[in-house]
Structure formats: C-alpha cells, structure tokens
C-alpha cells in the first residue's frame, strides 16, 4: 500500500477543483488529503497507518446520543436543524 498526503493549500486551483470533483465536496485551505493506493488483488486492506491517534480515546461528548432511541435522536436532530435553519423548503 502506498500513501500520499498533501495539504490543500499546496494544490493549484485546477488540481483542488479536480479533487473536489472526485470526493464530492468542497475542500478548505486548512485541510489535508490522504490517498491510499491498494493492490486490487489483495482480499483485505490493511488498516491505515494512523499513529497520531494511536491509543487515543474519544472524549465523553462524542457519546451524546448514547441511551437515546432512534425517535429521540430524530426529534433532537429536527430541533437542531430548525435552530440552525438547515431545513430545506419543499
């Protein structure tokens, strides 16, 4: 497996646009792109080499939906979207 890591601010505008087209979302200047090339003949991909987060635990706030039902999560999501005005007109 080969990995390529590039900061977005290092790309030309045309290259940045091409990558945005491939991944389907806009990129910000403070972001970084990581591309892994895998051999298609291998049946299982090795885990990414992520030594920066190795052994790190997620903070407690990452579990904010813990213990909530799907209905409660949907109601909470609706309230947040309404507050942020992220709802779309139909």
PDB file of N, CA and C in Angstrom:
ATOM      1  N   UNK A   1       0.851  -1.176   0.000  1.00  0.00           N
ATOM      2  CA  UNK A   1       0.000   0.000   0.000  1.00  0.00           C
ATOM      3  C   UNK A   1       0.894   1.235   0.000  1.00  0.00           C
ATOM      4  N   UNK A   2       0.548   2.171  -0.839  1.00  0.00           N
ATOM      5  CA  UNK A   2       1.230   3.458  -0.879  1.00  0.00           C
ATOM      6  C   UNK A   2       0.284   4.526  -0.365  1.00  0.00           C
ATOM      7  N   UNK A   3       0.820   5.485   0.352  1.00  0.00           N
ATOM      8  CA  UNK A   3       0.012   6.595   0.850  1.00  0.00           C
ATOM      9  C   UNK A   3       0.617   7.910   0.389  1.00  0.00           C
ATOM     10  N   UNK A   4      -0.274   8.833   0.030  1.00  0.00           N
ATOM     11  CA  UNK A   4       0.127  10.170  -0.381  1.00  0.00           C
ATOM     12  C   UNK A   4      -0.628  11.165   0.483  1.00  0.00           C
ATOM     13  N   UNK A   5       0.095  12.093   1.077  1.00  0.00           N
ATOM     14  CA  UNK A   5      -0.508  13.096   1.947  1.00  0.00           C
ATOM     15  C   UNK A   5      -0.127  14.473   1.410  1.00  0.00           C
ATOM     16  N   UNK A   6      -1.152  15.283   1.140  1.00  0.00           N
ATOM     17  CA  UNK A   6      -0.901  16.625   0.615  1.00  0.00           C
ATOM     18  C   UNK A   6      -1.829  17.623   1.300  1.00  0.00           C
ATOM     19  N   UNK A   7      -1.295  18.785   1.621  1.00  0.00           N
ATOM     20  CA  UNK A   7      -2.102  19.868   2.177  1.00  0.00           C
ATOM     21  C   UNK A   7      -2.845  20.558   1.039  1.00  0.00           C
ATOM     22  N   UNK A   8      -4.081  20.938   1.294  1.00  0.00           N
ATOM     23  CA  UNK A   8      -4.914  21.561   0.261  1.00  0.00           C
ATOM     24  C   UNK A   8      -4.284  22.852  -0.245  1.00  0.00           C
ATOM     25  N   UNK A   9      -3.683  23.630   0.636  1.00  0.00           N
ATOM     26  CA  UNK A   9      -3.119  24.914   0.202  1.00  0.00           C
ATOM     27  C   UNK A   9      -1.943  24.745  -0.759  1.00  0.00           C
ATOM     28  N   UNK A  10      -1.424  23.511  -0.908  1.00  0.00           N
ATOM     29  CA  UNK A  10      -0.326  23.257  -1.838  1.00  0.00           C
ATOM     30  C   UNK A  10      -0.808  22.985  -3.269  1.00  0.00           C
ATOM     31  N   UNK A  11      -2.119  22.750  -3.452  1.00  0.00           N
ATOM     32  CA  UNK A  11      -2.653  22.439  -4.771  1.00  0.00           C
ATOM     33  C   UNK A  11      -2.924  23.705  -5.574  1.00  0.00           C
ATOM     34  N   UNK A  12      -2.773  23.586  -6.879  1.00  0.00           N
ATOM     35  CA  UNK A  12      -3.214  24.672  -7.764  1.00  0.00           C
ATOM     36  C   UNK A  12      -4.744  24.682  -7.752  1.00  0.00           C
ATOM     37  N   UNK A  13      -5.363  25.797  -8.139  1.00  0.00           N
ATOM     38  CA  UNK A  13      -6.830  25.834  -8.166  1.00  0.00           C
ATOM     39  C   UNK A  13      -7.441  24.712  -9.025  1.00  0.00           C
ATOM     40  N   UNK A  14      -6.824  24.410 -10.158  1.00  0.00           N
ATOM     41  CA  UNK A  14      -7.355  23.347 -11.033  1.00  0.00           C
ATOM     42  C   UNK A  14      -7.255  21.980 -10.357  1.00  0.00           C
ATOM     43  N   UNK A  15      -6.127  21.702  -9.696  1.00  0.00           N
ATOM     44  CA  UNK A  15      -5.973  20.427  -9.002  1.00  0.00           C
ATOM     45  C   UNK A  15      -6.935  20.311  -7.828  1.00  0.00           C
ATOM     46  N   UNK A  16      -7.109  21.411  -7.097  1.00  0.00           N
ATOM     47  CA  UNK A  16      -8.053  21.419  -5.977  1.00  0.00           C
ATOM     48  C   UNK A  16      -9.457  21.132  -6.486  1.00  0.00           C
ATOM     49  N   UNK A  17      -9.835  21.738  -7.592  1.00  0.00           N
ATOM     50  CA  UNK A  17     -11.154  21.515  -8.172  1.00  0.00           C
ATOM     51  C   UNK A  17     -11.322  20.049  -8.594  1.00  0.00           C
ATOM     52  N   UNK A  18     -10.283  19.463  -9.167  1.00  0.00           N
ATOM     53  CA  UNK A  18     -10.353  18.064  -9.598  1.00  0.00           C
ATOM     54  C   UNK A  18     -10.558  17.137  -8.402  1.00  0.00           C
ATOM     55  N   UNK A  19      -9.853  17.386  -7.311  1.00  0.00           N
ATOM     56  CA  UNK A  19     -10.001  16.553  -6.115  1.00  0.00           C
ATOM     57  C   UNK A  19     -11.392  16.750  -5.519  1.00  0.00           C
ATOM     58  N   UNK A  20     -11.892  17.979  -5.498  1.00  0.00           N
ATOM     59  CA  UNK A  20     -13.246  18.237  -5.006  1.00  0.00           C
ATOM     60  C   UNK A  20     -14.268  17.467  -5.835  1.00  0.00           C
ATOM     61  N   UNK A  21     -14.034  17.393  -7.138  1.00  0.00           N
ATOM     62  CA  UNK A  21     -14.934  16.654  -8.016  1.00  0.00           C
ATOM     63  C   UNK A  21     -14.901  15.154  -7.683  1.00  0.00           C
ATOM     64  N   UNK A  22     -13.730  14.626  -7.416  1.00  0.00           N
ATOM     65  CA  UNK A  22     -13.584  13.203  -7.110  1.00  0.00           C
ATOM     66  C   UNK A  22     -14.250  12.850  -5.784  1.00  0.00           C
ATOM     67  N   UNK A  23     -14.022  13.650  -4.745  1.00  0.00           N
ATOM     68  CA  UNK A  23     -14.562  13.295  -3.427  1.00  0.00           C
ATOM     69  C   UNK A  23     -15.981  13.821  -3.212  1.00  0.00           C
ATOM     70  N   UNK A  24     -16.426  14.743  -4.059  1.00  0.00           N
ATOM     71  CA  UNK A  24     -17.811  15.202  -3.992  1.00  0.00           C
ATOM     72  C   UNK A  24     -18.112  16.219  -2.913  1.00  0.00           C
ATOM     73  N   UNK A  25     -17.113  16.954  -2.479  1.00  0.00           N
ATOM     74  CA  UNK A  25     -17.360  18.017  -1.502  1.00  0.00           C
ATOM     75  C   UNK A  25     -16.263  19.060  -1.606  1.00  0.00           C
ATOM     76  N   UNK A  26     -16.582  20.302  -1.222  1.00  0.00           N
ATOM     77  CA  UNK A  26     -15.568  21.356  -1.274  1.00  0.00           C
ATOM     78  C   UNK A  26     -14.487  21.134  -0.232  1.00  0.00           C
ATOM     79  N   UNK A  27     -13.305  21.594  -0.542  1.00  0.00           N
ATOM     80  CA  UNK A  27     -12.168  21.473   0.365  1.00  0.00           C
ATOM     81  C   UNK A  27     -11.792  22.842   0.908  1.00  0.00           C
ATOM     82  N   UNK A  28     -11.333  22.866   2.145  1.00  0.00           N
ATOM     83  CA  UNK A  28     -10.918  24.107   2.791  1.00  0.00           C
ATOM     84  C   UNK A  28      -9.402  24.163   2.865  1.00  0.00           C
ATOM     85  N   UNK A  29      -8.859  25.366   2.912  1.00  0.00           N
ATOM     86  CA  UNK A  29      -7.412  25.566   2.885  1.00  0.00           C
ATOM     87  C   UNK A  29      -6.670  24.893   4.044  1.00  0.00           C
ATOM     88  N   UNK A  30      -7.337  24.710   5.190  1.00  0.00           N
ATOM     89  CA  UNK A  30      -6.661  24.127   6.353  1.00  0.00           C
ATOM     90  C   UNK A  30      -6.769  22.600   6.382  1.00  0.00           C
ATOM     91  N   UNK A  31      -7.312  21.992   5.313  1.00  0.00           N
ATOM     92  CA  UNK A  31      -7.484  20.546   5.286  1.00  0.00           C
ATOM     93  C   UNK A  31      -6.321  19.860   4.582  1.00  0.00           C
ATOM     94  N   UNK A  32      -6.316  18.544   4.686  1.00  0.00           N
ATOM     95  CA  UNK A  32      -5.259  17.716   4.106  1.00  0.00           C
ATOM     96  C   UNK A  32      -5.925  16.517   3.434  1.00  0.00           C
ATOM     97  N   UNK A  33      -5.387  16.098   2.295  1.00  0.00           N
ATOM     98  CA  UNK A  33      -5.886  14.933   1.570  1.00  0.00           C
ATOM     99  C   UNK A  33      -4.912  13.779   1.785  1.00  0.00           C
ATOM    100  N   UNK A  34      -5.476  12.614   2.112  1.00  0.00           N
ATOM    101  CA  UNK A  34      -4.679  11.398   2.258  1.00  0.00           C
ATOM    102  C   UNK A  34      -5.233  10.384   1.264  1.00  0.00           C
ATOM    103  N   UNK A  35      -4.398   9.911   0.366  1.00  0.00           N
ATOM    104  CA  UNK A  35      -4.809   8.940  -0.645  1.00  0.00           C
ATOM    105  C   UNK A  35      -4.015   7.659  -0.421  1.00  0.00           C
ATOM    106  N   UNK A  36      -4.721   6.544  -0.342  1.00  0.00           N
ATOM    107  CA  UNK A  36      -4.094   5.228  -0.189  1.00  0.00           C
ATOM    108  C   UNK A  36      -4.281   4.461  -1.490  1.00  0.00           C
ATOM    109  N   UNK A  37      -3.199   3.913  -2.019  1.00  0.00           N
ATOM    110  CA  UNK A  37      -3.266   3.058  -3.191  1.00  0.00           C
ATOM    111  C   UNK A  37      -3.118   1.620  -2.728  1.00  0.00           C
ATOM    112  N   UNK A  38      -4.111   0.790  -3.066  1.00  0.00           N
ATOM    113  CA  UNK A  38      -4.107  -0.608  -2.665  1.00  0.00           C
ATOM    114  C   UNK A  38      -4.045  -1.493  -3.888  1.00  0.00           C
ATOM    115  N   UNK A  39      -3.450  -2.661  -3.747  1.00  0.00           N
ATOM    116  CA  UNK A  39      -3.404  -3.656  -4.798  1.00  0.00           C
ATOM    117  C   UNK A  39      -4.770  -4.337  -4.857  1.00  0.00           C
ATOM    118  N   UNK A  40      -5.437  -4.294  -5.998  1.00  0.00           N
ATOM    119  CA  UNK A  40      -6.783  -4.852  -6.127  1.00  0.00           C
ATOM    120  C   UNK A  40      -6.816  -6.357  -5.923  1.00  0.00           C
ATOM    121  N   UNK A  41      -5.709  -7.040  -6.107  1.00  0.00           N
ATOM    122  CA  UNK A  41      -5.679  -8.489  -5.971  1.00  0.00           C
ATOM    123  C   UNK A  41      -5.717  -8.928  -4.515  1.00  0.00           C
ATOM    124  N   UNK A  42      -5.393  -8.046  -3.608  1.00  0.00           N
ATOM    125  CA  UNK A  42      -5.434  -8.398  -2.193  1.00  0.00           C
ATOM    126  C   UNK A  42      -6.881  -8.440  -1.737  1.00  0.00           C
ATOM    127  N   UNK A  43      -7.210  -9.415  -0.907  1.00  0.00           N
ATOM    128  CA  UNK A  43      -8.590  -9.573  -0.467  1.00  0.00           C
ATOM    129  C   UNK A  43      -8.930  -8.674   0.702  1.00  0.00           C
ATOM    130  N   UNK A  44      -7.945  -8.290   1.470  1.00  0.00           N
ATOM    131  CA  UNK A  44      -8.214  -7.490   2.659  1.00  0.00           C
ATOM    132  C   UNK A  44      -7.255  -6.313   2.728  1.00  0.00           C
ATOM    133  N   UNK A  45      -7.800  -5.135   2.936  1.00  0.00           N
ATOM    134  CA  UNK A  45      -6.974  -3.934   3.028  1.00  0.00           C
ATOM    135  C   UNK A  45      -6.381  -3.836   4.432  1.00  0.00           C
ATOM    136  N   UNK A  46      -5.102  -3.511   4.530  1.00  0.00           N
ATOM    137  CA  UNK A  46      -4.515  -3.325   5.853  1.00  0.00           C
ATOM    138  C   UNK A  46      -5.068  -2.066   6.499  1.00  0.00           C
ATOM    139  N   UNK A  47      -5.093  -2.010   7.821  1.00  0.00           N
ATOM    140  CA  UNK A  47      -5.593  -0.795   8.480  1.00  0.00           C
ATOM    141  C   UNK A  47      -4.682   0.379   8.163  1.00  0.00           C
ATOM    142  N   UNK A  48      -5.250   1.589   8.066  1.00  0.00           N
ATOM    143  CA  UNK A  48      -4.419   2.763   7.783  1.00  0.00           C
ATOM    144  C   UNK A  48      -3.413   3.008   8.896  1.00  0.00           C
ATOM    145  N   UNK A  49      -2.281   3.534   8.517  1.00  0.00           N
ATOM    146  CA  UNK A  49      -1.235   3.845   9.483  1.00  0.00           C
ATOM    147  C   UNK A  49      -1.569   5.174  10.135  1.00  0.00           C
ATOM    148  N   UNK A  50      -2.246   5.115  11.256  1.00  0.00           N
ATOM    149  CA  UNK A  50      -2.729   6.321  11.925  1.00  0.00           C
ATOM    150  C   UNK A  50      -2.072   6.429  13.295  1.00  0.00           C
ATOM    151  N   UNK A  51      -0.773   6.651  13.304  1.00  0.00           N
ATOM    152  CA  UNK A  51      -0.041   6.678  14.571  1.00  0.00           C
ATOM    153  C   UNK A  51      -0.350   7.913  15.394  1.00  0.00           C
ATOM    154  N   UNK A  52      -0.859   8.978  14.755  1.00  0.00           N
ATOM    155  CA  UNK A  52      -1.153  10.202  15.504  1.00  0.00           C
ATOM    156  C   UNK A  52      -2.259   9.973  16.528  1.00  0.00           C
ATOM    157  N   UNK A  53      -3.237   9.113  16.204  1.00  0.00           N
ATOM    158  CA  UNK A  53      -4.353   8.877  17.112  1.00  0.00           C
ATOM    159  C   UNK A  53      -4.251   7.531  17.820  1.00  0.00           C
ATOM    160  N   UNK A  54      -3.130   6.872  17.671  1.00  0.00           N
ATOM    161  CA  UNK A  54      -2.978   5.549  18.247  1.00  0.00           C
ATOM    162  C   UNK A  54      -3.143   5.601  19.764  1.00  0.00           C
ATOM    163  N   UNK A  55      -4.060   4.801  20.261  1.00  0.00           N
ATOM    164  CA  UNK A  55      -4.274   4.730  21.699  1.00  0.00           C
ATOM    165  C   UNK A  55      -5.116   5.868  22.252  1.00  0.00           C
ATOM    166  N   UNK A  56      -5.538   6.798  21.394  1.00  0.00           N
ATOM    167  CA  UNK A  56      -6.317   7.928  21.882  1.00  0.00           C
ATOM    168  C   UNK A  56      -7.758   7.495  22.109  1.00  0.00           C
ATOM    169  N   UNK A  57      -8.347   7.957  23.180  1.00  0.00           N
ATOM    170  CA  UNK A  57      -9.747   7.686  23.475  1.00  0.00           C
ATOM    171  C   UNK A  57     -10.572   8.902  23.107  1.00  0.00           C
ATOM    172  N   UNK A  58     -11.794   8.641  22.664  1.00  0.00           N
ATOM    173  CA  UNK A  58     -12.682   9.750  22.331  1.00  0.00           C
ATOM    174  C   UNK A  58     -13.186  10.402  23.604  1.00  0.00           C
ATOM    175  N   UNK A  59     -13.375  11.719  23.586  1.00  0.00           N
ATOM    176  CA  UNK A  59     -13.907  12.393  24.770  1.00  0.00           C
ATOM    177  C   UNK A  59     -15.368  11.994  25.006  1.00  0.00           C
ATOM    178  N   UNK A  60     -15.840  12.197  26.224  1.00  0.00           N
ATOM    179  CA  UNK A  60     -17.194  11.797  26.609  1.00  0.00           C
ATOM    180  C   UNK A  60     -18.275  12.426  25.735  1.00  0.00           C
ATOM    181  N   UNK A  61     -18.066  13.662  25.260  1.00  0.00           N
ATOM    182  CA  UNK A  61     -19.109  14.331  24.491  1.00  0.00           C
ATOM    183  C   UNK A  61     -19.369  13.638  23.164  1.00  0.00           C
ATOM    184  N   UNK A  62     -18.483  12.747  22.728  1.00  0.00           N
ATOM    185  CA  UNK A  62     -18.705  12.011  21.476  1.00  0.00           C
ATOM    186  C   UNK A  62     -19.853  11.014  21.608  1.00  0.00           C
ATOM    187  N   UNK A  63     -20.262  10.722  22.822  1.00  0.00           N
ATOM    188  CA  UNK A  63     -21.328   9.753  23.067  1.00  0.00           C
ATOM    189  C   UNK A  63     -22.646  10.436  23.423  1.00  0.00           C
ATOM    190  N   UNK A  64     -22.908  11.601  22.841  1.00  0.00           N
ATOM    191  CA  UNK A  64     -24.091  12.372  23.235  1.00  0.00           C
ATOM    192  C   UNK A  64     -25.401  11.671  22.920  1.00  0.00           C
ATOM    193  N   UNK A  65     -25.401  10.763  21.937  1.00  0.00           N
ATOM    194  CA  UNK A  65     -26.629  10.053  21.586  1.00  0.00           C
ATOM    195  C   UNK A  65     -26.774   8.742  22.353  1.00  0.00           C
ATOM    196  N   UNK A  66     -25.815   8.423  23.173  1.00  0.00           N
ATOM    197  CA  UNK A  66     -25.845   7.180  23.930  1.00  0.00           C
ATOM    198  C   UNK A  66     -27.094   7.116  24.807  1.00  0.00           C
ATOM    199  N   UNK A  67     -27.833   6.001  24.689  1.00  0.00           N
ATOM    200  CA  UNK A  67     -29.022   5.806  25.510  1.00  0.00           C
ATOM    201  C   UNK A  67     -30.296   6.387  24.924  1.00  0.00           C
ATOM    202  N   UNK A  68     -30.208   7.116  23.813  1.00  0.00           N
ATOM    203  CA  UNK A  68     -31.394   7.687  23.188  1.00  0.00           C
ATOM    204  C   UNK A  68     -31.951   6.728  22.142  1.00  0.00           C
ATOM    205  N   UNK A  69     -33.266   6.700  22.006  1.00  0.00           N
ATOM    206  CA  UNK A  69     -33.900   5.890  20.968  1.00  0.00           C
ATOM    207  C   UNK A  69     -33.752   6.604  19.623  1.00  0.00           C
ATOM    208  N   UNK A  70     -34.040   5.881  18.537  1.00  0.00           N
ATOM    209  CA  UNK A  70     -33.985   6.487  17.210  1.00  0.00           C
ATOM    210  C   UNK A  70     -34.960   7.657  17.097  1.00  0.00           C
ATOM    211  N   UNK A  71     -36.131   7.513  17.717  1.00  0.00           N
ATOM    212  CA  UNK A  71     -37.128   8.592  17.677  1.00  0.00           C
ATOM    213  C   UNK A  71     -36.621   9.822  18.417  1.00  0.00           C
ATOM    214  N   UNK A  72     -36.005   9.626  19.583  1.00  0.00           N
ATOM    215  CA  UNK A  72     -35.462  10.755  20.355  1.00  0.00           C
ATOM    216  C   UNK A  72     -34.343  11.449  19.593  1.00  0.00           C
ATOM    217  N   UNK A  73     -33.504  10.670  18.912  1.00  0.00           N
ATOM    218  CA  UNK A  73     -32.412  11.246  18.118  1.00  0.00           C
ATOM    219  C   UNK A  73     -32.986  12.059  16.967  1.00  0.00           C
ATOM    220  N   UNK A  74     -34.033  11.531  16.316  1.00  0.00           N
ATOM    221  CA  UNK A  74     -34.659  12.252  15.201  1.00  0.00           C
ATOM    222  C   UNK A  74     -35.266  13.571  15.677  1.00  0.00           C
ATOM    223  N   UNK A  75     -35.928  13.554  16.838  1.00  0.00           N
ATOM    224  CA  UNK A  75     -36.516  14.785  17.391  1.00  0.00           C
ATOM    225  C   UNK A  75     -35.429  15.802  17.725  1.00  0.00           C
ATOM    226  N   UNK A  76     -34.343  15.344  18.301  1.00  0.00           N
ATOM    227  CA  UNK A  76     -33.223  16.224  18.634  1.00  0.00           C
ATOM    228  C   UNK A  76     -32.614  16.808  17.363  1.00  0.00           C
ATOM    229  N   UNK A  77     -32.443  15.967  16.349  1.00  0.00           N
ATOM    230  CA  UNK A  77     -31.889  16.411  15.083  1.00  0.00           C
ATOM    231  C   UNK A  77     -32.782  17.472  14.438  1.00  0.00           C
ATOM    232  N   UNK A  78     -34.100  17.264  14.490  1.00  0.00           N
ATOM    233  CA  UNK A  78     -35.037  18.245  13.946  1.00  0.00           C
ATOM    234  C   UNK A  78     -34.933  19.580  14.678  1.00  0.00           C
ATOM    235  N   UNK A  79     -34.838  19.526  15.998  1.00  0.00           N
ATOM    236  CA  UNK A  79     -34.735  20.754  16.792  1.00  0.00           C
ATOM    237  C   UNK A  79     -33.448  21.507  16.458  1.00  0.00           C
ATOM    238  N   UNK A  80     -32.362  20.781  16.298  1.00  0.00           N
ATOM    239  CA  UNK A  80     -31.075  21.418  15.969  1.00  0.00           C
ATOM    240  C   UNK A  80     -31.144  22.030  14.578  1.00  0.00           C
ATOM    241  N   UNK A  81     -31.676  21.280  13.606  1.00  0.00           N
ATOM    242  CA  UNK A  81     -31.779  21.790  12.234  1.00  0.00           C
ATOM    243  C   UNK A  81     -32.663  23.031  12.182  1.00  0.00           C
ATOM    244  N   UNK A  82     -33.752  23.026  12.939  1.00  0.00           N
ATOM    245  CA  UNK A  82     -34.651  24.176  12.978  1.00  0.00           C
ATOM    246  C   UNK A  82     -33.928  25.388  13.576  1.00  0.00           C
ATOM    247  N   UNK A  83     -33.164  25.153  14.628  1.00  0.00           N
ATOM    248  CA  UNK A  83     -32.447  26.241  15.287  1.00  0.00           C
ATOM    249  C   UNK A  83     -31.367  26.816  14.369  1.00  0.00           C
ATOM    250  N   UNK A  84     -30.721  25.962  13.604  1.00  0.00           N
ATOM    251  CA  UNK A  84     -29.656  26.396  12.691  1.00  0.00           C
ATOM    252  C   UNK A  84     -30.186  26.795  11.327  1.00  0.00           C
ATOM    253  N   UNK A  85     -31.491  26.623  11.133  1.00  0.00           N
ATOM    254  CA  UNK A  85     -32.149  26.921   9.874  1.00  0.00           C
ATOM    255  C   UNK A  85     -31.527  26.128   8.740  1.00  0.00           C
ATOM    256  N   UNK A  86     -31.307  24.815   8.962  1.00  0.00           N
ATOM    257  CA  UNK A  86     -30.737  23.947   7.949  1.00  0.00           C
ATOM    258  C   UNK A  86     -31.821  23.168   7.197  1.00  0.00           C
ATOM    259  N   UNK A  87     -33.068  23.433   7.508  1.00  0.00           N
ATOM    260  CA  UNK A  87     -34.147  22.725   6.829  1.00  0.00           C
ATOM    261  C   UNK A  87     -34.329  23.316   5.439  1.00  0.00           C
ATOM    262  N   UNK A  88     -34.746  22.476   4.498  1.00  0.00           N
ATOM    263  CA  UNK A  88     -34.947  22.917   3.127  1.00  0.00           C
ATOM    264  C   UNK A  88     -36.423  23.128   2.863  1.00  0.00           C
ATOM    265  N   UNK A  89     -36.714  24.105   2.058  1.00  0.00           N
ATOM    266  CA  UNK A  89     -38.098  24.338   1.640  1.00  0.00           C
ATOM    267  C   UNK A  89     -38.487  23.256   0.652  1.00  0.00           C
ATOM    268  N   UNK A  90     -39.713  22.784   0.760  1.00  0.00           N
ATOM    269  CA  UNK A  90     -40.177  21.737  -0.163  1.00  0.00           C
ATOM    270  C   UNK A  90     -41.019  22.317  -1.258  1.00  0.00           C
TER     271      UNK A  90
END
